[in-house]
Structures are given as structure tokens and as C-alpha cells.
Amino acid sequence: VAVDPDAEKVARLRDRFQQAGLYGARIALHVGDPKSCSFPPY
């Protein structure tokens, strides 16, 4: 699960991983601030 503040970069990478058959199966990308993004515990 990857987080980046650049929405254009995230969209571009989503397309690339989708074409490789990886998006949604092994990787997910989100737009946000890594410093404040709160993931579930553990």
C-alpha cells in the first residue's frame, strides 16, 4: 500500500500497475500526505 501527495503521479502509476496485472491484487496506491496518513494498527 503506497501513499504519495502527487495525484498525477498516483494516477500514472495506477495505470502502469493495472497493465502489469498487479493493481488491486498486490498493490494499492492512495493520494495523501505520508506524514499524517493513519494506517490500521499492526
PDB file of all heavy atoms in Angstrom:
ATOM      1  N   VAL A   1       0.876  -1.170   0.000  1.00  0.00           N
ATOM      2  CA  VAL A   1       0.000   0.000   0.000  1.00  0.00           C
ATOM      3  C   VAL A   1       0.915   1.222   0.000  1.00  0.00           C
ATOM      4  O   VAL A   1       1.726   1.392   0.910  1.00  0.00           O
ATOM      5  CB  VAL A   1      -0.927   0.033   1.224  1.00  0.00           C
ATOM      6  CG1 VAL A   1      -1.792   1.284   1.195  1.00  0.00           C
ATOM      7  CG2 VAL A   1      -1.786  -1.215   1.276  1.00  0.00           C
ATOM      8  N   ALA A   2       0.793   2.067  -1.033  1.00  0.00           N
ATOM      9  CA  ALA A   2       1.687   3.217  -1.175  1.00  0.00           C
ATOM     10  C   ALA A   2       0.885   4.518  -1.136  1.00  0.00           C
ATOM     11  O   ALA A   2      -0.247   4.587  -1.615  1.00  0.00           O
ATOM     12  CB  ALA A   2       2.456   3.125  -2.494  1.00  0.00           C
ATOM     13  N   VAL A   3       1.512   5.560  -0.566  1.00  0.00           N
ATOM     14  CA  VAL A   3       0.873   6.872  -0.420  1.00  0.00           C
ATOM     15  C   VAL A   3       1.800   7.939  -0.983  1.00  0.00           C
ATOM     16  O   VAL A   3       3.007   7.933  -0.695  1.00  0.00           O
ATOM     17  CB  VAL A   3       0.565   7.172   1.064  1.00  0.00           C
ATOM     18  CG1 VAL A   3      -0.091   8.538   1.202  1.00  0.00           C
ATOM     19  CG2 VAL A   3      -0.312   6.091   1.663  1.00  0.00           C
ATOM     20  N   ASP A   4       1.234   8.860  -1.777  1.00  0.00           N
ATOM     21  CA  ASP A   4       2.021   9.953  -2.343  1.00  0.00           C
ATOM     22  C   ASP A   4       1.109  11.173  -2.490  1.00  0.00           C
ATOM     23  O   ASP A   4      -0.071  11.031  -2.845  1.00  0.00           O
ATOM     24  CB  ASP A   4       2.585   9.554  -3.715  1.00  0.00           C
ATOM     25  CG  ASP A   4       3.658  10.516  -4.200  1.00  0.00           C
ATOM     26  OD1 ASP A   4       3.310  11.626  -4.676  1.00  0.00           O
ATOM     27  OD2 ASP A   4       4.848  10.158  -4.099  1.00  0.00           O
ATOM     28  N   PRO A   5       1.619  12.382  -2.236  1.00  0.00           N
ATOM     29  CA  PRO A   5       0.770  13.577  -2.335  1.00  0.00           C
ATOM     30  C   PRO A   5       0.486  14.015  -3.766  1.00  0.00           C
ATOM     31  O   PRO A   5      -0.408  14.840  -3.992  1.00  0.00           O
ATOM     32  CB  PRO A   5       1.568  14.639  -1.587  1.00  0.00           C
ATOM     33  CG  PRO A   5       2.992  14.192  -1.702  1.00  0.00           C
ATOM     34  CD  PRO A   5       2.952  12.701  -1.702  1.00  0.00           C
ATOM     35  N   ASP A   6       1.220  13.489  -4.752  1.00  0.00           N
ATOM     36  CA  ASP A   6       1.082  13.915  -6.146  1.00  0.00           C
ATOM     37  C   ASP A   6       0.010  13.074  -6.825  1.00  0.00           C
ATOM     38  O   ASP A   6       0.221  11.900  -7.165  1.00  0.00           O
ATOM     39  CB  ASP A   6       2.430  13.757  -6.862  1.00  0.00           C
ATOM     40  CG  ASP A   6       2.424  14.371  -8.251  1.00  0.00           C
ATOM     41  OD1 ASP A   6       1.347  14.437  -8.861  1.00  0.00           O
ATOM     42  OD2 ASP A   6       3.507  14.766  -8.718  1.00  0.00           O
ATOM     43  N   ALA A   7      -1.167  13.672  -7.064  1.00  0.00           N
ATOM     44  CA  ALA A   7      -2.294  12.929  -7.649  1.00  0.00           C
ATOM     45  C   ALA A   7      -1.982  12.453  -9.064  1.00  0.00           C
ATOM     46  O   ALA A   7      -2.384  11.348  -9.462  1.00  0.00           O
ATOM     47  CB  ALA A   7      -3.544  13.798  -7.656  1.00  0.00           C
ATOM     48  N   GLU A   8      -1.257  13.280  -9.861  1.00  0.00           N
ATOM     49  CA  GLU A   8      -0.931  12.862 -11.226  1.00  0.00           C
ATOM     50  C   GLU A   8       0.004  11.659 -11.230  1.00  0.00           C
ATOM     51  O   GLU A   8      -0.147  10.739 -12.034  1.00  0.00           O
ATOM     52  CB  GLU A   8      -0.307  14.032 -11.986  1.00  0.00           C
ATOM     53  CG  GLU A   8      -1.279  15.182 -12.248  1.00  0.00           C
ATOM     54  CD  GLU A   8      -0.648  16.263 -13.094  1.00  0.00           C
ATOM     55  OE1 GLU A   8       0.537  16.105 -13.487  1.00  0.00           O
ATOM     56  OE2 GLU A   8      -1.331  17.272 -13.363  1.00  0.00           O
ATOM     57  N   LYS A   9       0.978  11.675 -10.332  1.00  0.00           N
ATOM     58  CA  LYS A   9       1.902  10.550 -10.250  1.00  0.00           C
ATOM     59  C   LYS A   9       1.164   9.280  -9.845  1.00  0.00           C
ATOM     60  O   LYS A   9       1.375   8.197 -10.414  1.00  0.00           O
ATOM     61  CB  LYS A   9       3.023  10.828  -9.239  1.00  0.00           C
ATOM     62  CG  LYS A   9       4.030   9.683  -9.119  1.00  0.00           C
ATOM     63  CD  LYS A   9       4.916   9.816  -7.895  1.00  0.00           C
ATOM     64  CE  LYS A   9       5.806  11.024  -7.977  1.00  0.00           C
ATOM     65  NZ  LYS A   9       6.752  11.065  -6.817  1.00  0.00           N
ATOM     66  N   VAL A  10       0.261   9.393  -8.883  1.00  0.00           N
ATOM     67  CA  VAL A  10      -0.500   8.236  -8.435  1.00  0.00           C
ATOM     68  C   VAL A  10      -1.338   7.670  -9.578  1.00  0.00           C
ATOM     69  O   VAL A  10      -1.387   6.456  -9.799  1.00  0.00           O
ATOM     70  CB  VAL A  10      -1.397   8.605  -7.230  1.00  0.00           C
ATOM     71  CG1 VAL A  10      -2.386   7.489  -6.938  1.00  0.00           C
ATOM     72  CG2 VAL A  10      -0.545   8.896  -6.007  1.00  0.00           C
ATOM     73  N   ALA A  11      -1.989   8.544 -10.347  1.00  0.00           N
ATOM     74  CA  ALA A  11      -2.811   8.083 -11.475  1.00  0.00           C
ATOM     75  C   ALA A  11      -1.952   7.375 -12.511  1.00  0.00           C
ATOM     76  O   ALA A  11      -2.350   6.335 -13.076  1.00  0.00           O
ATOM     77  CB  ALA A  11      -3.540   9.265 -12.100  1.00  0.00           C
ATOM     78  N   ARG A  12      -0.795   7.934 -12.786  1.00  0.00           N
ATOM     79  CA  ARG A  12       0.102   7.338 -13.777  1.00  0.00           C
ATOM     80  C   ARG A  12       0.571   5.950 -13.330  1.00  0.00           C
ATOM     81  O   ARG A  12       0.603   4.998 -14.120  1.00  0.00           O
ATOM     82  CB  ARG A  12       1.291   8.280 -14.013  1.00  0.00           C
ATOM     83  CG  ARG A  12       2.225   7.829 -15.129  1.00  0.00           C
ATOM     84  CD  ARG A  12       3.217   8.935 -15.472  1.00  0.00           C
ATOM     85  NE  ARG A  12       4.071   9.303 -14.336  1.00  0.00           N
ATOM     86  CZ  ARG A  12       3.971  10.442 -13.665  1.00  0.00           C
ATOM     87  NH1 ARG A  12       3.016  11.319 -13.991  1.00  0.00           N
ATOM     88  NH2 ARG A  12       4.787  10.702 -12.665  1.00  0.00           N
ATOM     89  N   LEU A  13       0.930   5.836 -12.049  1.00  0.00           N
ATOM     90  CA  LEU A  13       1.399   4.551 -11.527  1.00  0.00           C
ATOM     91  C   LEU A  13       0.270   3.526 -11.462  1.00  0.00           C
ATOM     92  O   LEU A  13       0.490   2.324 -11.686  1.00  0.00           O
ATOM     93  CB  LEU A  13       2.022   4.748 -10.143  1.00  0.00           C
ATOM     94  CG  LEU A  13       3.353   5.511 -10.115  1.00  0.00           C
ATOM     95  CD1 LEU A  13       3.780   5.766  -8.671  1.00  0.00           C
ATOM     96  CD2 LEU A  13       4.433   4.737 -10.852  1.00  0.00           C
ATOM     97  N   ARG A  14      -0.927   3.980 -11.158  1.00  0.00           N
ATOM     98  CA  ARG A  14      -2.070   3.058 -11.154  1.00  0.00           C
ATOM     99  C   ARG A  14      -2.243   2.426 -12.528  1.00  0.00           C
ATOM    100  O   ARG A  14      -2.471   1.208 -12.652  1.00  0.00           O
ATOM    101  CB  ARG A  14      -3.343   3.787 -10.739  1.00  0.00           C
ATOM    102  CG  ARG A  14      -3.474   4.041  -9.255  1.00  0.00           C
ATOM    103  CD  ARG A  14      -4.695   4.896  -8.961  1.00  0.00           C
ATOM    104  NE  ARG A  14      -4.898   5.091  -7.525  1.00  0.00           N
ATOM    105  CZ  ARG A  14      -5.730   5.980  -6.999  1.00  0.00           C
ATOM    106  NH1 ARG A  14      -6.454   6.767  -7.809  1.00  0.00           N
ATOM    107  NH2 ARG A  14      -5.858   6.089  -5.690  1.00  0.00           N
ATOM    108  N   ASP A  15      -2.141   3.236 -13.580  1.00  0.00           N
ATOM    109  CA  ASP A  15      -2.263   2.707 -14.944  1.00  0.00           C
ATOM    110  C   ASP A  15      -1.163   1.690 -15.231  1.00  0.00           C
ATOM    111  O   ASP A  15      -1.417   0.630 -15.826  1.00  0.00           O
ATOM    112  CB  ASP A  15      -2.197   3.845 -15.960  1.00  0.00           C
ATOM    113  CG  ASP A  15      -3.447   4.720 -15.947  1.00  0.00           C
ATOM    114  OD1 ASP A  15      -4.490   4.234 -15.443  1.00  0.00           O
ATOM    115  OD2 ASP A  15      -3.373   5.871 -16.424  1.00  0.00           O
ATOM    116  N   ARG A  16       0.039   2.019 -14.804  1.00  0.00           N
ATOM    117  CA  ARG A  16       1.167   1.121 -15.083  1.00  0.00           C
ATOM    118  C   ARG A  16       0.997  -0.218 -14.382  1.00  0.00           C
ATOM    119  O   ARG A  16       1.190  -1.277 -14.980  1.00  0.00           O
ATOM    120  CB  ARG A  16       2.479   1.784 -14.647  1.00  0.00           C
ATOM    121  CG  ARG A  16       3.718   1.064 -15.185  1.00  0.00           C
ATOM    122  CD  ARG A  16       4.955   1.877 -14.923  1.00  0.00           C
ATOM    123  NE  ARG A  16       5.572   1.537 -13.652  1.00  0.00           N
ATOM    124  CZ  ARG A  16       6.446   2.296 -13.011  1.00  0.00           C
ATOM    125  NH1 ARG A  16       6.762   3.483 -13.505  1.00  0.00           N
ATOM    126  NH2 ARG A  16       6.985   1.918 -11.876  1.00  0.00           N
ATOM    127  N   PHE A  17       0.601  -0.181 -13.094  1.00  0.00           N
ATOM    128  CA  PHE A  17       0.424  -1.437 -12.356  1.00  0.00           C
ATOM    129  C   PHE A  17      -0.813  -2.199 -12.837  1.00  0.00           C
ATOM    130  O   PHE A  17      -0.848  -3.421 -12.791  1.00  0.00           O
ATOM    131  CB  PHE A  17       0.333  -1.152 -10.854  1.00  0.00           C
ATOM    132  CG  PHE A  17       1.626  -0.703 -10.237  1.00  0.00           C
ATOM    133  CD1 PHE A  17       1.698   0.467  -9.506  1.00  0.00           C
ATOM    134  CD2 PHE A  17       2.779  -1.450 -10.409  1.00  0.00           C
ATOM    135  CE1 PHE A  17       2.889   0.892  -8.942  1.00  0.00           C
ATOM    136  CE2 PHE A  17       3.990  -1.041  -9.853  1.00  0.00           C
ATOM    137  CZ  PHE A  17       4.040   0.130  -9.117  1.00  0.00           C
ATOM    138  N   GLN A  18      -1.821  -1.467 -13.318  1.00  0.00           N
ATOM    139  CA  GLN A  18      -3.009  -2.124 -13.860  1.00  0.00           C
ATOM    140  C   GLN A  18      -2.637  -2.915 -15.117  1.00  0.00           C
ATOM    141  O   GLN A  18      -3.065  -4.060 -15.296  1.00  0.00           O
ATOM    142  CB  GLN A  18      -4.076  -1.080 -14.192  1.00  0.00           C
ATOM    143  CG  GLN A  18      -5.356  -1.654 -14.787  1.00  0.00           C
ATOM    144  CD  GLN A  18      -6.150  -2.459 -13.781  1.00  0.00           C
ATOM    145  OE1 GLN A  18      -6.215  -2.104 -12.605  1.00  0.00           O
ATOM    146  NE2 GLN A  18      -6.756  -3.550 -14.221  1.00  0.00           N
ATOM    147  N   GLN A  19      -1.827  -2.326 -15.968  1.00  0.00           N
ATOM    148  CA  GLN A  19      -1.404  -3.008 -17.185  1.00  0.00           C
ATOM    149  C   GLN A  19      -0.535  -4.226 -16.879  1.00  0.00           C
ATOM    150  O   GLN A  19      -0.535  -5.206 -17.634  1.00  0.00           O
ATOM    151  CB  GLN A  19      -0.650  -2.031 -18.090  1.00  0.00           C
ATOM    152  CG  GLN A  19      -1.522  -0.913 -18.645  1.00  0.00           C
ATOM    153  CD  GLN A  19      -0.725   0.108 -19.425  1.00  0.00           C
ATOM    154  OE1 GLN A  19       0.465  -0.082 -19.707  1.00  0.00           O
ATOM    155  NE2 GLN A  19      -1.366   1.228 -19.782  1.00  0.00           N
ATOM    156  N   ALA A  20       0.193  -4.162 -15.768  1.00  0.00           N
ATOM    157  CA  ALA A  20       1.041  -5.289 -15.382  1.00  0.00           C
ATOM    158  C   ALA A  20       0.272  -6.370 -14.633  1.00  0.00           C
ATOM    159  O   ALA A  20       0.837  -7.409 -14.276  1.00  0.00           O
ATOM    160  CB  ALA A  20       2.199  -4.792 -14.517  1.00  0.00           C
ATOM    161  N   GLY A  21      -1.028  -6.131 -14.391  1.00  0.00           N
ATOM    162  CA  GLY A  21      -1.838  -7.118 -13.693  1.00  0.00           C
ATOM    163  C   GLY A  21      -1.590  -7.162 -12.196  1.00  0.00           C
ATOM    164  O   GLY A  21      -1.944  -8.145 -11.534  1.00  0.00           O
ATOM    165  N   LEU A  22      -1.017  -6.088 -11.652  1.00  0.00           N
ATOM    166  CA  LEU A  22      -0.664  -6.066 -10.228  1.00  0.00           C
ATOM    167  C   LEU A  22      -1.614  -5.216  -9.393  1.00  0.00           C
ATOM    168  O   LEU A  22      -1.770  -5.448  -8.191  1.00  0.00           O
ATOM    169  CB  LEU A  22       0.768  -5.535 -10.052  1.00  0.00           C
ATOM    170  CG  LEU A  22       1.889  -6.360 -10.690  1.00  0.00           C
ATOM    171  CD1 LEU A  22       3.222  -5.626 -10.581  1.00  0.00           C
ATOM    172  CD2 LEU A  22       1.980  -7.723 -10.020  1.00  0.00           C
ATOM    173  N   TYR A  23      -2.251  -4.221 -10.023  1.00  0.00           N
ATOM    174  CA  TYR A  23      -3.044  -3.288  -9.225  1.00  0.00           C
ATOM    175  C   TYR A  23      -4.323  -3.948  -8.700  1.00  0.00           C
ATOM    176  O   TYR A  23      -5.046  -4.619  -9.428  1.00  0.00           O
ATOM    177  CB  TYR A  23      -3.418  -2.042 -10.034  1.00  0.00           C
ATOM    178  CG  TYR A  23      -3.901  -0.930  -9.131  1.00  0.00           C
ATOM    179  CD1 TYR A  23      -2.984  -0.172  -8.414  1.00  0.00           C
ATOM    180  CD2 TYR A  23      -5.251  -0.686  -8.941  1.00  0.00           C
ATOM    181  CE1 TYR A  23      -3.410   0.819  -7.545  1.00  0.00           C
ATOM    182  CE2 TYR A  23      -5.690   0.307  -8.083  1.00  0.00           C
ATOM    183  CZ  TYR A  23      -4.760   1.055  -7.382  1.00  0.00           C
ATOM    184  OH  TYR A  23      -5.170   2.018  -6.511  1.00  0.00           O
ATOM    185  N   GLY A  24      -4.571  -3.737  -7.416  1.00  0.00           N
ATOM    186  CA  GLY A  24      -5.741  -4.335  -6.778  1.00  0.00           C
ATOM    187  C   GLY A  24      -5.517  -5.748  -6.303  1.00  0.00           C
ATOM    188  O   GLY A  24      -6.256  -6.239  -5.445  1.00  0.00           O
ATOM    189  N   ALA A  25      -4.490  -6.420  -6.858  1.00  0.00           N
ATOM    190  CA  ALA A  25      -4.170  -7.781  -6.428  1.00  0.00           C
ATOM    191  C   ALA A  25      -2.992  -7.793  -5.468  1.00  0.00           C
ATOM    192  O   ALA A  25      -3.017  -8.470  -4.439  1.00  0.00           O
ATOM    193  CB  ALA A  25      -3.864  -8.658  -7.648  1.00  0.00           C
ATOM    194  N   ARG A  26      -1.962  -7.010  -5.785  1.00  0.00           N
ATOM    195  CA  ARG A  26      -0.779  -6.977  -4.936  1.00  0.00           C
ATOM    196  C   ARG A  26      -0.425  -5.577  -4.448  1.00  0.00           C
ATOM    197  O   ARG A  26       0.350  -5.431  -3.499  1.00  0.00           O
ATOM    198  CB  ARG A  26       0.420  -7.535  -5.723  1.00  0.00           C
ATOM    199  CG  ARG A  26       0.327  -9.007  -6.085  1.00  0.00           C
ATOM    200  CD  ARG A  26       0.549  -9.881  -4.856  1.00  0.00           C
ATOM    201  NE  ARG A  26       1.734  -9.487  -4.130  1.00  0.00           N
ATOM    202  CZ  ARG A  26       2.999  -9.758  -4.515  1.00  0.00           C
ATOM    203  NH1 ARG A  26       3.200 -10.450  -5.629  1.00  0.00           N
ATOM    204  NH2 ARG A  26       4.029  -9.377  -3.787  1.00  0.00           N
ATOM    205  N   ILE A  27      -0.974  -4.551  -5.097  1.00  0.00           N
ATOM    206  CA  ILE A  27      -0.593  -3.191  -4.729  1.00  0.00           C
ATOM    207  C   ILE A  27      -1.789  -2.261  -4.849  1.00  0.00           C
ATOM    208  O   ILE A  27      -2.659  -2.448  -5.706  1.00  0.00           O
ATOM    209  CB  ILE A  27       0.572  -2.681  -5.623  1.00  0.00           C
ATOM    210  CG1 ILE A  27       1.069  -1.323  -5.133  1.00  0.00           C
ATOM    211  CG2 ILE A  27       0.164  -2.641  -7.084  1.00  0.00           C
ATOM    212  CD1 ILE A  27       2.376  -0.883  -5.792  1.00  0.00           C
ATOM    213  N   ALA A  28      -1.844  -1.274  -3.949  1.00  0.00           N
ATOM    214  CA  ALA A  28      -2.859  -0.222  -3.981  1.00  0.00           C
ATOM    215  C   ALA A  28      -2.160   1.109  -3.739  1.00  0.00           C
ATOM    216  O   ALA A  28      -1.231   1.192  -2.922  1.00  0.00           O
ATOM    217  CB  ALA A  28      -3.929  -0.466  -2.927  1.00  0.00           C
ATOM    218  N   LEU A  29      -2.605   2.157  -4.446  1.00  0.00           N
ATOM    219  CA  LEU A  29      -1.990   3.476  -4.343  1.00  0.00           C
ATOM    220  C   LEU A  29      -3.024   4.493  -3.886  1.00  0.00           C
ATOM    221  O   LEU A  29      -4.175   4.470  -4.341  1.00  0.00           O
ATOM    222  CB  LEU A  29      -1.412   3.899  -5.694  1.00  0.00           C
ATOM    223  CG  LEU A  29      -0.396   2.949  -6.341  1.00  0.00           C
ATOM    224  CD1 LEU A  29      -0.012   3.443  -7.724  1.00  0.00           C
ATOM    225  CD2 LEU A  29       0.835   2.822  -5.462  1.00  0.00           C
ATOM    226  N   HIS A  30      -2.604   5.393  -2.998  1.00  0.00           N
ATOM    227  CA  HIS A  30      -3.512   6.405  -2.461  1.00  0.00           C
ATOM    228  C   HIS A  30      -2.856   7.786  -2.539  1.00  0.00           C
ATOM    229  O   HIS A  30      -1.635   7.917  -2.403  1.00  0.00           O
ATOM    230  CB  HIS A  30      -3.861   6.103  -0.999  1.00  0.00           C
ATOM    231  CG  HIS A  30      -4.583   4.797  -0.814  1.00  0.00           C
ATOM    232  ND1 HIS A  30      -5.943   4.683  -0.931  1.00  0.00           N
ATOM    233  CD2 HIS A  30      -4.108   3.561  -0.542  1.00  0.00           C
ATOM    234  CE1 HIS A  30      -6.292   3.419  -0.728  1.00  0.00           C
ATOM    235  NE2 HIS A  30      -5.201   2.717  -0.487  1.00  0.00           N
ATOM    236  N   VAL A  31      -3.685   8.795  -2.728  1.00  0.00           N
ATOM    237  CA  VAL A  31      -3.222  10.181  -2.695  1.00  0.00           C
ATOM    238  C   VAL A  31      -3.349  10.687  -1.259  1.00  0.00           C
ATOM    239  O   VAL A  31      -4.428  10.607  -0.659  1.00  0.00           O
ATOM    240  CB  VAL A  31      -4.052  11.065  -3.647  1.00  0.00           C
ATOM    241  CG1 VAL A  31      -3.573  12.520  -3.556  1.00  0.00           C
ATOM    242  CG2 VAL A  31      -3.953  10.557  -5.079  1.00  0.00           C
ATOM    243  N   GLY A  32      -2.264  11.196  -0.709  1.00  0.00           N
ATOM    244  CA  GLY A  32      -2.306  11.688   0.661  1.00  0.00           C
ATOM    245  C   GLY A  32      -0.933  12.100   1.152  1.00  0.00           C
ATOM    246  O   GLY A  32       0.073  11.949   0.449  1.00  0.00           O
ATOM    247  N   ASP A  33      -0.909  12.615   2.352  1.00  0.00           N
ATOM    248  CA  ASP A  33       0.339  13.053   2.981  1.00  0.00           C
ATOM    249  C   ASP A  33       0.894  11.893   3.810  1.00  0.00           C
ATOM    250  O   ASP A  33       0.276  11.485   4.807  1.00  0.00           O
ATOM    251  CB  ASP A  33       0.068  14.263   3.874  1.00  0.00           C
ATOM    252  CG  ASP A  33       1.342  14.794   4.507  1.00  0.00           C
ATOM    253  OD1 ASP A  33       2.420  14.199   4.293  1.00  0.00           O
ATOM    254  OD2 ASP A  33       1.257  15.801   5.230  1.00  0.00           O
ATOM    255  N   PRO A  34       2.050  11.342   3.432  1.00  0.00           N
ATOM    256  CA  PRO A  34       2.594  10.212   4.194  1.00  0.00           C
ATOM    257  C   PRO A  34       2.830  10.536   5.667  1.00  0.00           C
ATOM    258  O   PRO A  34       2.787   9.644   6.517  1.00  0.00           O
ATOM    259  CB  PRO A  34       3.920   9.909   3.476  1.00  0.00           C
ATOM    260  CG  PRO A  34       3.747  10.470   2.102  1.00  0.00           C
ATOM    261  CD  PRO A  34       2.887  11.682   2.275  1.00  0.00           C
ATOM    262  N   LYS A  35       3.072  11.815   5.985  1.00  0.00           N
ATOM    263  CA  LYS A  35       3.374  12.182   7.369  1.00  0.00           C
ATOM    264  C   LYS A  35       2.159  12.083   8.271  1.00  0.00           C
ATOM    265  O   LYS A  35       2.270  11.877   9.467  1.00  0.00           O
ATOM    266  CB  LYS A  35       3.945  13.602   7.426  1.00  0.00           C
ATOM    267  CG  LYS A  35       5.241  13.798   6.656  1.00  0.00           C
ATOM    268  CD  LYS A  35       5.849  15.152   6.921  1.00  0.00           C
ATOM    269  CE  LYS A  35       4.961  16.284   6.400  1.00  0.00           C
ATOM    270  NZ  LYS A  35       4.844  16.264   4.932  1.00  0.00           N
ATOM    271  N   SER A  36       0.956  12.264   7.695  1.00  0.00           N
ATOM    272  CA  SER A  36      -0.257  12.258   8.513  1.00  0.00           C
ATOM    273  C   SER A  36      -1.181  11.089   8.207  1.00  0.00           C
ATOM    274  O   SER A  36      -2.201  10.927   8.875  1.00  0.00           O
ATOM    275  CB  SER A  36      -1.030  13.572   8.299  1.00  0.00           C
ATOM    276  OG  SER A  36      -1.378  13.730   6.935  1.00  0.00           O
ATOM    277  N   CYS A  37      -0.832  10.279   7.197  1.00  0.00           N
ATOM    278  CA  CYS A  37      -1.682   9.142   6.833  1.00  0.00           C
ATOM    279  C   CYS A  37      -1.714   8.134   7.980  1.00  0.00           C
ATOM    280  O   CYS A  37      -0.671   7.755   8.530  1.00  0.00           O
ATOM    281  CB  CYS A  37      -1.155   8.482   5.565  1.00  0.00           C
ATOM    282  SG  CYS A  37      -2.220   7.174   4.948  1.00  0.00           S
ATOM    283  N   SER A  38      -2.896   7.710   8.367  1.00  0.00           N
ATOM    284  CA  SER A  38      -3.047   6.791   9.502  1.00  0.00           C
ATOM    285  C   SER A  38      -3.508   5.423   9.003  1.00  0.00           C
ATOM    286  O   SER A  38      -4.612   5.278   8.471  1.00  0.00           O
ATOM    287  CB  SER A  38      -4.063   7.350  10.500  1.00  0.00           C
ATOM    288  OG  SER A  38      -4.216   6.470  11.596  1.00  0.00           O
ATOM    289  N   PHE A  39      -2.643   4.425   9.155  1.00  0.00           N
ATOM    290  CA  PHE A  39      -2.973   3.061   8.771  1.00  0.00           C
ATOM    291  C   PHE A  39      -3.482   2.290   9.986  1.00  0.00           C
ATOM    292  O   PHE A  39      -3.264   2.702  11.133  1.00  0.00           O
ATOM    293  CB  PHE A  39      -1.749   2.360   8.192  1.00  0.00           C
ATOM    294  CG  PHE A  39      -1.387   2.838   6.816  1.00  0.00           C
ATOM    295  CD1 PHE A  39      -0.340   3.734   6.621  1.00  0.00           C
ATOM    296  CD2 PHE A  39      -2.095   2.400   5.711  1.00  0.00           C
ATOM    297  CE1 PHE A  39      -0.008   4.174   5.366  1.00  0.00           C
ATOM    298  CE2 PHE A  39      -1.775   2.834   4.436  1.00  0.00           C
ATOM    299  CZ  PHE A  39      -0.728   3.727   4.264  1.00  0.00           C
ATOM    300  N   PRO A  40      -4.132   1.160   9.768  1.00  0.00           N
ATOM    301  CA  PRO A  40      -4.598   0.351  10.909  1.00  0.00           C
ATOM    302  C   PRO A  40      -3.423  -0.128  11.763  1.00  0.00           C
ATOM    303  O   PRO A  40      -2.287  -0.206  11.282  1.00  0.00           O
ATOM    304  CB  PRO A  40      -5.299  -0.841  10.231  1.00  0.00           C
ATOM    305  CG  PRO A  40      -5.639  -0.361   8.863  1.00  0.00           C
ATOM    306  CD  PRO A  40      -4.547   0.595   8.483  1.00  0.00           C
ATOM    307  N   PRO A  41      -3.662  -0.453  13.007  1.00  0.00           N
ATOM    308  CA  PRO A  41      -2.584  -0.955  13.854  1.00  0.00           C
ATOM    309  C   PRO A  41      -2.089  -2.320  13.388  1.00  0.00           C
ATOM    310  O   PRO A  41      -2.874  -3.132  12.881  1.00  0.00           O
ATOM    311  CB  PRO A  41      -3.230  -1.046  15.239  1.00  0.00           C
ATOM    312  CG  PRO A  41      -4.693  -1.179  14.965  1.00  0.00           C
ATOM    313  CD  PRO A  41      -4.945  -0.378  13.725  1.00  0.00           C
ATOM    314  N   TYR A  42      -0.780  -2.548  13.520  1.00  0.00           N
ATOM    315  CA  TYR A  42      -0.133  -3.850  13.308  1.00  0.00           C
ATOM    316  C   TYR A  42      -0.185  -4.339  11.871  1.00  0.00           C
ATOM    317  O   TYR A  42       0.090  -5.506  11.596  1.00  0.00           O
ATOM    318  CB  TYR A  42      -0.754  -4.933  14.209  1.00  0.00           C
ATOM    319  CG  TYR A  42      -1.130  -4.473  15.584  1.00  0.00           C
ATOM    320  CD1 TYR A  42      -2.374  -4.757  16.132  1.00  0.00           C
ATOM    321  CD2 TYR A  42      -0.241  -3.717  16.358  1.00  0.00           C
ATOM    322  CE1 TYR A  42      -2.728  -4.336  17.395  1.00  0.00           C
ATOM    323  CE2 TYR A  42      -0.582  -3.277  17.620  1.00  0.00           C
ATOM    324  CZ  TYR A  42      -1.838  -3.586  18.130  1.00  0.00           C
ATOM    325  OH  TYR A  42      -2.196  -3.153  19.387  1.00  0.00           O
TER     326      TYR A  42
END
